[in-house]
Amino acid sequence: MNKVPKGTWVEIEWVVLKPEERAKALPEDTKKVPYVMRVSGFLTEDAEIGQMVSIRTIIGRIHSGKLTTVNPSYSHSFGKVVPELLTIGTEAEK
């Protein structure tokens, strides 16, 4: 495996709640999986993917977890464009 150098931007994860610890009122499919926390930060020591590591977040907090991703990116969006919403707020200008 390749070493990831100290100071690299990475993502870690850890299990916050095991399936049996989750709320009973959750949907069945949700109750069957662990509740996982993911946090990005700067690696505090050289490490390899899959190792337990510590990171320092941008605001300086230290978190520990399993190293999962090097240079993580964001993949969320606000969905597809809704044409009817594009002109909201411009009607008064006409």
C-alpha atoms as a PDB file:
ATOM      1  CA  MET A   1       0.000   0.000   0.000  1.00  0.00           C
ATOM      2  CA  ASN A   2       1.018   3.602  -0.504  1.00  0.00           C
ATOM      3  CA  LYS A   3       1.821   5.850   2.407  1.00  0.00           C
ATOM      4  CA  VAL A   4      -0.275   8.992   2.691  1.00  0.00           C
ATOM      5  CA  PRO A   5       1.964  11.778   3.999  1.00  0.00           C
ATOM      6  CA  LYS A   6       1.294  13.757   7.156  1.00  0.00           C
ATOM      7  CA  GLY A   7      -0.569  16.994   6.364  1.00  0.00           C
ATOM      8  CA  THR A   8      -2.566  15.532   3.460  1.00  0.00           C
ATOM      9  CA  TRP A   9      -6.276  16.450   3.251  1.00  0.00           C
ATOM     10  CA  VAL A  10      -8.160  13.221   3.993  1.00  0.00           C
ATOM     11  CA  GLU A  11     -11.497  11.842   5.150  1.00  0.00           C
ATOM     12  CA  ILE A  12     -11.939   9.493   8.082  1.00  0.00           C
ATOM     13  CA  GLU A  13     -14.959   7.611   9.358  1.00  0.00           C
ATOM     14  CA  TRP A  14     -16.079   5.875  12.526  1.00  0.00           C
ATOM     15  CA  VAL A  15     -19.202   4.148  13.761  1.00  0.00           C
ATOM     16  CA  VAL A  16     -21.203   6.403  16.087  1.00  0.00           C
ATOM     17  CA  LEU A  17     -24.035   3.918  16.691  1.00  0.00           C
ATOM     18  CA  LYS A  18     -24.155   0.205  15.959  1.00  0.00           C
ATOM     19  CA  PRO A  19     -27.417  -1.071  14.413  1.00  0.00           C
ATOM     20  CA  GLU A  20     -28.642  -2.394  17.771  1.00  0.00           C
ATOM     21  CA  GLU A  21     -28.025   1.017  19.385  1.00  0.00           C
ATOM     22  CA  ARG A  22     -30.115   3.001  16.895  1.00  0.00           C
ATOM     23  CA  ALA A  23     -33.596   4.369  17.668  1.00  0.00           C
ATOM     24  CA  LYS A  24     -36.375   1.805  17.478  1.00  0.00           C
ATOM     25  CA  ALA A  25     -38.655   4.215  15.566  1.00  0.00           C
ATOM     26  CA  LEU A  26     -36.399   4.284  12.487  1.00  0.00           C
ATOM     27  CA  PRO A  27     -37.489   2.583   9.257  1.00  0.00           C
ATOM     28  CA  GLU A  28     -36.461  -1.090   9.142  1.00  0.00           C
ATOM     29  CA  ASP A  29     -33.834  -0.650   6.405  1.00  0.00           C
ATOM     30  CA  THR A  30     -32.243   2.245   8.318  1.00  0.00           C
ATOM     31  CA  LYS A  31     -32.135   0.334  11.617  1.00  0.00           C
ATOM     32  CA  LYS A  32     -30.102  -2.443   9.974  1.00  0.00           C
ATOM     33  CA  VAL A  33     -27.019  -0.301   9.266  1.00  0.00           C
ATOM     34  CA  PRO A  34     -24.624   1.550  11.587  1.00  0.00           C
ATOM     35  CA  TYR A  35     -24.731   5.330  11.926  1.00  0.00           C
ATOM     36  CA  VAL A  36     -21.382   6.437  10.503  1.00  0.00           C
ATOM     37  CA  MET A  37     -19.635   9.786  10.966  1.00  0.00           C
ATOM     38  CA  ARG A  38     -17.324  11.132   8.257  1.00  0.00           C
ATOM     39  CA  VAL A  39     -14.983  14.074   8.807  1.00  0.00           C
ATOM     40  CA  SER A  40     -12.316  15.694   6.654  1.00  0.00           C
ATOM     41  CA  GLY A  41      -9.081  17.178   7.918  1.00  0.00           C
ATOM     42  CA  PHE A  42      -5.309  17.136   7.739  1.00  0.00           C
ATOM     43  CA  LEU A  43      -3.555  13.874   8.567  1.00  0.00           C
ATOM     44  CA  THR A  44      -1.408  14.188  11.714  1.00  0.00           C
ATOM     45  CA  GLU A  45       0.960  11.288  10.849  1.00  0.00           C
ATOM     46  CA  ASP A  46       1.931   9.314   7.750  1.00  0.00           C
ATOM     47  CA  ALA A  47      -0.588   6.492   7.250  1.00  0.00           C
ATOM     48  CA  GLU A  48      -2.184   4.061   4.819  1.00  0.00           C
ATOM     49  CA  ILE A  49      -5.812   3.764   3.684  1.00  0.00           C
ATOM     50  CA  GLY A  50      -7.716   1.621   6.181  1.00  0.00           C
ATOM     51  CA  GLN A  51      -5.547   2.506   9.177  1.00  0.00           C
ATOM     52  CA  MET A  52      -6.841   4.182  12.326  1.00  0.00           C
ATOM     53  CA  VAL A  53      -5.519   7.735  12.240  1.00  0.00           C
ATOM     54  CA  SER A  54      -5.953  11.198  13.713  1.00  0.00           C
ATOM     55  CA  ILE A  55      -6.746  14.333  11.749  1.00  0.00           C
ATOM     56  CA  ARG A  56      -6.866  18.047  12.536  1.00  0.00           C
ATOM     57  CA  THR A  57      -9.881  19.827  11.054  1.00  0.00           C
ATOM     58  CA  ILE A  58      -9.732  23.304   9.572  1.00  0.00           C
ATOM     59  CA  ILE A  59     -11.023  24.719  12.868  1.00  0.00           C
ATOM     60  CA  GLY A  60      -8.362  22.799  14.803  1.00  0.00           C
ATOM     61  CA  ARG A  61     -10.332  19.910  16.271  1.00  0.00           C
ATOM     62  CA  ILE A  62      -8.674  16.499  16.496  1.00  0.00           C
ATOM     63  CA  HIS A  63     -10.698  13.446  15.447  1.00  0.00           C
ATOM     64  CA  SER A  64      -9.713   9.798  15.125  1.00  0.00           C
ATOM     65  CA  GLY A  65     -11.102   7.190  12.772  1.00  0.00           C
ATOM     66  CA  LYS A  66     -10.389   4.891   9.845  1.00  0.00           C
ATOM     67  CA  LEU A  67      -8.666   6.601   6.918  1.00  0.00           C
ATOM     68  CA  THR A  68     -10.942   6.167   3.902  1.00  0.00           C
ATOM     69  CA  THR A  69     -10.236   8.864   1.300  1.00  0.00           C
ATOM     70  CA  VAL A  70      -7.330  11.040   0.175  1.00  0.00           C
ATOM     71  CA  ASN A  71      -8.273  14.515  -1.078  1.00  0.00           C
ATOM     72  CA  PRO A  72     -12.037  14.007  -0.691  1.00  0.00           C
ATOM     73  CA  SER A  73     -14.330  16.156  -2.776  1.00  0.00           C
ATOM     74  CA  TYR A  74     -17.937  17.186  -2.470  1.00  0.00           C
ATOM     75  CA  SER A  75     -20.489  15.462  -4.666  1.00  0.00           C
ATOM     76  CA  HIS A  76     -23.767  16.931  -3.451  1.00  0.00           C
ATOM     77  CA  SER A  77     -25.889  19.400  -5.388  1.00  0.00           C
ATOM     78  CA  PHE A  78     -29.151  21.264  -5.124  1.00  0.00           C
ATOM     79  CA  GLY A  79     -30.658  19.076  -7.829  1.00  0.00           C
ATOM     80  CA  LYS A  80     -31.721  19.880 -11.367  1.00  0.00           C
ATOM     81  CA  VAL A  81     -32.603  23.408 -12.428  1.00  0.00           C
ATOM     82  CA  VAL A  82     -36.266  24.329 -12.011  1.00  0.00           C
ATOM     83  CA  PRO A  83     -36.927  26.862 -14.821  1.00  0.00           C
ATOM     84  CA  GLU A  84     -39.948  28.337 -13.020  1.00  0.00           C
ATOM     85  CA  LEU A  85     -37.702  29.418 -10.152  1.00  0.00           C
ATOM     86  CA  LEU A  86     -35.141  31.233 -12.298  1.00  0.00           C
ATOM     87  CA  THR A  87     -37.158  34.441 -12.572  1.00  0.00           C
ATOM     88  CA  ILE A  88     -38.253  34.718  -8.932  1.00  0.00           C
ATOM     89  CA  GLY A  89     -37.324  38.162  -7.684  1.00  0.00           C
ATOM     90  CA  THR A  90     -36.869  39.665 -11.160  1.00  0.00           C
ATOM     91  CA  GLU A  91     -40.550  40.353 -11.897  1.00  0.00           C
ATOM     92  CA  ALA A  92     -40.426  43.814 -10.298  1.00  0.00           C
ATOM     93  CA  GLU A  93     -37.620  44.897 -12.655  1.00  0.00           C
ATOM     94  CA  LYS A  94     -39.860  44.596 -15.730  1.00  0.00           C
END
